[in-house]
Amino acid sequence: MPTQLSSQQAQTFSFFDATSSEWREKAEGRLRRVNVIAQRNACVHRVQLALRSESMLDVGCGTGELVVEMAAKGVQATGIDFSPEMIRACEEKRRAGAAAARFHCCSVFEYRAEDESEALISALGFIEYISPAELRDFLGFAQRVLRQGGALAVGSRNRLFNLVTFNEYTAMERQLNTIDALMSEALAIEDGAGIEEIHSAPLPRPESHPRTRIDVATRHQYTPGELAALVREAGLVPEAIYPVHYHAIPPAAAEGLKDMQIDFSNRIFTEAPEERRLLPFSSSFVLAARKL
């Protein structure tokens, strides 16, 4: 285990190190649910294809699917994760036919990378497990390590989605008095605002979040506007926002309409991958930014 972990990071380490097999099944699409991992990975593939990036670093690589896929395309691909069990699964995949992929067991905050050494950095399912201060440190790392013209693709749990879940997350936002701020950003997006027009000041944050299937007390959420502002603050320029895991059915009703929800979410992701007006109804998103 890495040294000097916060309580949040220690919980994250314990959960993921103990559930690497289940995570691998989820990432490989062997479970009947919306494959959020695959949808996020597909967003990074779009960024890489557009820029023809020849190298990439995947932070919090999990069981290594994205790194292996990128290596198969001829990209010099490296993945890092602080869970030994996750990296063990990555190495199994590398030995099974992805020899060009590289993996390291470490935290990004301990990883030594040369300045301007990567053309693409991805971080998917990562920033929810670090504090806002650590997020700023990570974005500073990305700005330093990216080459001129390189791109960062960062995934986030979507706080705007709390407006329409009508569950404990909506109740949490009411208690924090953030409904109006969230609604203002959602309305701007629905009105067709460009990325440069989506603004959001930092919102109040709860000390802990309602529990999910992942047993970590605090899993941070950001709105697209919040994350775009932090990325700009780090000296990067947001260029695209991809909705991930669109929900056509409210979560409570979706429990009884599971197949319909899965099929429709997958179809709309394939057919409208860059339709920003889907964002308020998507539980996750990927923001792509460039170092100019």
Protein backbone atom coordinates (compact mmCIF):
# COMPACT_ATOMS: atom_id res chain seq x y z
CA MET A 1 0.00 0.00 0.00
CA PRO A 2 1.31 3.51 -0.79
CA THR A 3 2.39 5.57 2.19
CA GLN A 4 0.50 8.51 3.72
CA LEU A 5 -2.95 7.71 2.38
CA SER A 6 -5.93 9.80 3.39
CA SER A 7 -8.94 7.99 4.86
CA GLN A 8 -10.69 8.27 1.50
CA GLN A 9 -7.71 6.82 -0.37
CA ALA A 10 -7.27 4.01 2.18
CA GLN A 11 -10.92 3.00 1.69
CA THR A 12 -10.43 3.17 -2.09
CA PHE A 13 -7.31 1.01 -1.91
CA SER A 14 -9.01 -1.62 0.26
CA PHE A 15 -12.10 -1.81 -1.95
CA PHE A 16 -10.37 -2.06 -5.32
CA ASP A 17 -7.56 -4.34 -4.19
CA ALA A 18 -10.20 -6.77 -2.89
CA THR A 19 -12.51 -6.60 -5.93
CA SER A 20 -10.15 -6.69 -8.92
CA SER A 21 -11.78 -9.87 -10.34
CA GLU A 22 -15.27 -8.34 -10.26
CA TRP A 23 -13.91 -5.10 -11.73
CA ARG A 24 -12.33 -7.06 -14.57
CA GLU A 25 -15.65 -8.77 -15.33
CA LYS A 26 -17.34 -5.37 -15.36
CA ALA A 27 -14.67 -3.80 -17.60
CA GLU A 28 -14.80 -6.69 -20.06
CA GLY A 29 -18.58 -6.44 -20.35
CA ARG A 30 -19.30 -9.81 -18.79
CA LEU A 31 -21.94 -8.40 -16.43
CA ARG A 32 -25.40 -7.41 -17.63
CA ARG A 33 -25.24 -3.68 -16.97
CA VAL A 34 -24.22 -0.50 -18.76
CA ASN A 35 -20.46 -0.80 -19.22
CA VAL A 36 -19.44 2.66 -18.01
CA ILE A 37 -15.77 1.65 -18.17
CA ALA A 38 -16.06 0.80 -21.87
CA GLN A 39 -18.01 3.99 -22.61
CA ARG A 40 -15.39 6.14 -20.91
CA ASN A 41 -12.61 4.28 -22.71
CA ALA A 42 -14.34 4.91 -26.04
CA CYS A 43 -14.24 8.65 -25.33
CA VAL A 44 -10.47 8.47 -24.88
CA HIS A 45 -10.16 6.57 -28.15
CA ARG A 46 -11.97 9.46 -29.87
CA VAL A 47 -9.50 11.93 -28.39
CA GLN A 48 -6.51 9.80 -29.39
CA LEU A 49 -7.84 9.31 -32.92
CA ALA A 50 -8.46 13.03 -33.41
CA LEU A 51 -4.94 13.97 -32.28
CA ARG A 52 -3.19 10.82 -33.51
CA SER A 53 -1.44 10.68 -30.13
CA GLU A 54 1.52 8.29 -30.22
CA SER A 55 1.92 7.93 -26.46
CA MET A 56 -0.44 7.86 -23.50
CA LEU A 57 -0.47 7.48 -19.73
CA ASP A 58 -3.60 6.06 -18.09
CA VAL A 59 -3.87 7.08 -14.43
CA GLY A 60 -5.87 4.67 -12.28
CA CYS A 61 -5.78 2.10 -15.06
CA GLY A 62 -7.73 -0.58 -13.17
CA THR A 63 -7.44 -3.92 -14.94
CA GLY A 64 -5.80 -2.33 -17.97
CA GLU A 65 -8.36 -2.54 -20.78
CA LEU A 66 -7.69 0.95 -22.16
CA VAL A 67 -3.91 0.55 -22.06
CA VAL A 68 -4.09 -2.81 -23.84
CA GLU A 69 -6.44 -1.40 -26.49
CA MET A 70 -4.17 1.59 -27.09
CA ALA A 71 -1.07 -0.60 -27.32
CA ALA A 72 -2.84 -2.73 -29.94
CA LYS A 73 -3.23 0.43 -32.03
CA GLY A 74 0.51 1.08 -31.87
CA VAL A 75 0.33 3.72 -29.15
CA GLN A 76 3.14 3.66 -26.58
CA ALA A 77 0.77 3.02 -23.68
CA THR A 78 1.49 3.00 -19.95
CA GLY A 79 -0.93 2.38 -17.09
CA ILE A 80 -0.46 3.11 -13.40
CA ASP A 81 -2.63 2.03 -10.47
CA PHE A 82 -1.89 1.86 -6.75
CA SER A 83 -3.66 -1.51 -6.31
CA PRO A 84 -1.30 -4.52 -6.61
CA GLU A 85 -4.24 -6.78 -7.48
CA MET A 86 -5.30 -4.49 -10.31
CA ILE A 87 -1.75 -4.42 -11.70
CA ARG A 88 -1.57 -8.21 -11.38
CA ALA A 89 -4.63 -8.43 -13.65
CA CYS A 90 -2.98 -5.97 -16.05
CA GLU A 91 0.15 -8.09 -16.24
CA GLU A 92 -1.93 -11.18 -17.04
CA LYS A 93 -3.39 -9.35 -20.02
CA ARG A 94 0.02 -8.11 -21.10
CA ARG A 95 1.45 -11.63 -21.05
CA ALA A 96 -1.58 -12.91 -22.94
CA GLY A 97 -0.79 -10.82 -25.99
CA ALA A 98 -0.22 -7.16 -25.17
CA ALA A 99 3.54 -7.14 -24.77
CA ALA A 100 3.81 -3.48 -25.79
CA ALA A 101 1.65 -2.32 -22.87
CA ARG A 102 3.45 -1.18 -19.73
CA PHE A 103 2.15 -1.11 -16.18
CA HIS A 104 3.44 0.28 -12.89
CA CYS A 105 2.04 -0.19 -9.38
CA CYS A 106 2.14 3.25 -7.80
CA SER A 107 0.14 6.35 -7.04
CA VAL A 108 0.24 9.15 -9.60
CA PHE A 109 1.54 11.37 -6.81
CA GLU A 110 4.58 9.09 -6.55
CA TYR A 111 5.02 8.47 -10.27
CA ARG A 112 8.10 10.04 -11.81
CA ALA A 113 7.37 11.43 -15.25
CA GLU A 114 9.54 13.73 -17.31
CA ASP A 115 8.24 17.12 -18.36
CA GLU A 116 6.37 17.11 -21.69
CA SER A 117 6.81 13.33 -22.05
CA GLU A 118 3.24 12.26 -22.94
CA ALA A 119 0.94 13.10 -25.83
CA LEU A 120 -2.20 11.93 -24.00
CA ILE A 121 -3.09 11.48 -20.34
CA SER A 122 -6.32 9.79 -19.28
CA ALA A 123 -7.86 9.49 -15.83
CA LEU A 124 -11.19 7.67 -15.75
CA GLY A 125 -12.92 6.74 -12.51
CA PHE A 126 -10.04 8.39 -10.66
CA ILE A 127 -10.80 11.95 -9.54
CA GLU A 128 -13.83 10.88 -7.50
CA TYR A 129 -11.41 9.18 -5.07
CA ILE A 130 -9.09 12.13 -4.43
CA SER A 131 -9.70 15.39 -2.58
CA PRO A 132 -10.31 18.69 -4.42
CA ALA A 133 -6.80 19.79 -3.37
CA GLU A 134 -5.33 16.57 -4.79
CA LEU A 135 -7.32 17.11 -7.98
CA ARG A 136 -5.57 20.45 -8.44
CA ASP A 137 -2.23 18.69 -7.87
CA PHE A 138 -3.15 16.06 -10.47
CA LEU A 139 -4.16 18.69 -13.03
CA GLY A 140 -0.84 20.45 -12.40
CA PHE A 141 0.91 17.12 -13.02
CA ALA A 142 -0.97 16.70 -16.29
CA GLN A 143 -0.10 20.21 -17.45
CA ARG A 144 3.58 19.58 -16.73
CA VAL A 145 3.80 16.11 -18.28
CA LEU A 146 1.77 16.75 -21.44
CA ARG A 147 3.57 17.79 -24.58
CA GLN A 148 2.57 20.97 -26.38
CA GLY A 149 -0.62 20.12 -28.26
CA GLY A 150 -1.23 17.07 -26.07
CA ALA A 151 -4.55 16.21 -24.46
CA LEU A 152 -5.99 15.29 -21.09
CA ALA A 153 -9.14 13.12 -20.97
CA VAL A 154 -10.60 13.06 -17.47
CA GLY A 155 -13.77 11.26 -16.40
CA SER A 156 -16.03 12.44 -13.62
CA ARG A 157 -19.20 11.47 -11.84
CA ASN A 158 -21.73 14.06 -12.99
CA ARG A 159 -23.17 16.21 -10.23
CA LEU A 160 -25.78 17.66 -12.61
CA PHE A 161 -27.40 14.23 -12.68
CA ASN A 162 -28.39 14.70 -9.02
CA LEU A 163 -31.10 17.08 -10.26
CA VAL A 164 -33.06 14.26 -11.88
CA THR A 165 -32.35 11.20 -9.74
CA PHE A 166 -35.08 12.12 -7.22
CA ASN A 167 -33.36 10.09 -4.53
CA GLU A 168 -30.97 10.73 -1.66
CA TYR A 169 -28.61 12.59 -4.01
CA THR A 170 -31.33 15.10 -4.88
CA ALA A 171 -32.13 15.43 -1.18
CA MET A 172 -28.43 16.06 -0.49
CA GLU A 173 -28.39 18.94 -2.99
CA ARG A 174 -31.50 20.45 -1.38
CA GLN A 175 -29.78 20.38 2.01
CA LEU A 176 -26.68 22.04 0.51
CA ASN A 177 -28.86 24.68 -1.21
CA THR A 178 -27.23 23.98 -4.59
CA ILE A 179 -30.32 23.18 -6.68
CA ASP A 180 -30.47 26.65 -8.27
CA ALA A 181 -26.78 26.61 -9.23
CA LEU A 182 -27.09 23.13 -10.74
CA MET A 183 -30.25 24.10 -12.61
CA SER A 184 -28.60 27.23 -14.05
CA GLU A 185 -25.77 25.15 -15.53
CA ALA A 186 -28.17 22.50 -16.83
CA LEU A 187 -30.32 25.17 -18.50
CA ALA A 188 -27.26 26.71 -20.17
CA ILE A 189 -26.28 23.31 -21.56
CA GLU A 190 -29.81 22.61 -22.79
CA ASP A 191 -29.80 26.05 -24.45
CA GLY A 192 -26.79 24.95 -26.52
CA ALA A 193 -24.00 26.72 -24.64
CA GLY A 194 -20.50 26.01 -25.94
CA ILE A 195 -17.80 24.67 -23.66
CA GLU A 196 -16.35 28.13 -23.22
CA GLU A 197 -19.78 29.33 -22.01
CA ILE A 198 -20.33 26.61 -19.40
CA HIS A 199 -19.21 28.18 -16.16
CA SER A 200 -19.64 27.10 -12.57
CA ALA A 201 -18.14 28.38 -9.34
CA PRO A 202 -17.09 25.67 -6.85
CA LEU A 203 -20.17 24.28 -5.11
CA PRO A 204 -20.44 23.35 -1.41
CA ARG A 205 -19.41 19.75 -0.86
CA PRO A 206 -20.81 17.19 1.58
CA GLU A 207 -18.47 15.46 4.00
CA SER A 208 -19.71 12.12 2.71
CA HIS A 209 -21.98 10.92 -0.07
CA PRO A 210 -24.91 8.51 -0.16
CA ARG A 211 -23.59 4.99 -0.50
CA THR A 212 -23.21 3.30 -3.87
CA ARG A 213 -22.10 -0.19 -4.92
CA ILE A 214 -18.52 1.00 -4.35
CA ASP A 215 -17.85 0.96 -0.62
CA VAL A 216 -16.05 4.30 -0.28
CA ALA A 217 -17.69 6.95 1.90
CA THR A 218 -16.70 9.95 -0.21
CA ARG A 219 -16.86 9.78 -4.01
CA HIS A 220 -16.57 13.31 -5.32
CA GLN A 221 -18.80 14.61 -8.07
CA TYR A 222 -18.24 17.61 -10.35
CA THR A 223 -20.44 19.38 -12.84
CA PRO A 224 -19.02 19.86 -16.34
CA GLY A 225 -18.72 23.58 -15.57
CA GLU A 226 -16.87 22.99 -12.30
CA LEU A 227 -14.37 20.62 -13.88
CA ALA A 228 -13.88 22.84 -16.94
CA ALA A 229 -13.06 25.77 -14.63
CA LEU A 230 -10.47 23.71 -12.73
CA VAL A 231 -8.91 22.51 -15.98
CA ARG A 232 -8.63 26.11 -17.23
CA GLU A 233 -7.10 27.12 -13.90
CA ALA A 234 -4.39 24.51 -14.52
CA GLY A 235 -3.53 26.06 -17.89
CA LEU A 236 -5.36 23.61 -20.15
CA VAL A 237 -8.12 24.41 -22.65
CA PRO A 238 -11.34 22.33 -22.55
CA GLU A 239 -12.34 21.22 -26.05
CA ALA A 240 -14.99 18.51 -25.70
CA ILE A 241 -17.36 17.00 -23.15
CA TYR A 242 -18.74 13.50 -23.77
CA PRO A 243 -21.87 12.30 -21.91
CA VAL A 244 -21.46 8.82 -20.43
CA HIS A 245 -24.21 6.46 -19.15
CA TYR A 246 -27.35 8.25 -20.27
CA HIS A 247 -30.41 7.51 -18.13
CA ALA A 248 -33.72 7.56 -19.99
CA ILE A 249 -35.49 6.18 -16.91
CA PRO A 250 -35.25 7.52 -13.32
CA PRO A 251 -33.06 5.20 -11.19
CA ALA A 252 -35.93 3.95 -8.99
CA ALA A 253 -38.02 2.92 -12.01
CA ALA A 254 -34.99 1.55 -13.88
CA GLU A 255 -34.63 -1.25 -11.33
CA GLY A 256 -37.71 -2.88 -12.87
CA LEU A 257 -36.83 -1.95 -16.47
CA LYS A 258 -33.19 -2.97 -16.45
CA ASP A 259 -32.85 -4.39 -19.96
CA MET A 260 -34.62 -1.41 -21.52
CA GLN A 261 -32.37 1.04 -19.66
CA ILE A 262 -29.18 -0.83 -20.62
CA ASP A 263 -30.09 -1.17 -24.29
CA PHE A 264 -31.18 2.45 -24.69
CA SER A 265 -28.14 3.82 -22.84
CA ASN A 266 -25.79 1.83 -25.06
CA ARG A 267 -27.62 2.86 -28.24
CA ILE A 268 -27.66 6.58 -27.47
CA PHE A 269 -23.97 6.52 -26.52
CA THR A 270 -23.17 5.01 -29.91
CA GLU A 271 -25.42 7.30 -31.95
CA ALA A 272 -24.94 10.63 -30.14
CA PRO A 273 -21.51 10.50 -28.46
CA GLU A 274 -20.96 14.27 -28.43
CA GLU A 275 -24.50 15.58 -27.82
CA ARG A 276 -23.88 17.86 -24.83
CA ARG A 277 -27.61 18.32 -24.18
CA LEU A 278 -27.62 14.75 -22.87
CA LEU A 279 -25.33 15.75 -20.01
CA PRO A 280 -27.93 16.55 -17.32
CA PHE A 281 -29.35 13.05 -17.77
CA SER A 282 -25.99 11.25 -17.80
CA SER A 283 -24.44 10.00 -14.57
CA SER A 284 -20.89 10.48 -15.83
CA PHE A 285 -18.94 12.41 -18.44
CA VAL A 286 -15.46 12.71 -19.94
CA LEU A 287 -13.89 16.12 -20.44
CA ALA A 288 -11.11 16.47 -23.01
CA ALA A 289 -8.68 19.42 -22.82
CA ARG A 290 -5.59 20.47 -24.73
CA LYS A 291 -2.25 21.95 -23.75
CA LEU A 292 -1.77 24.73 -26.27
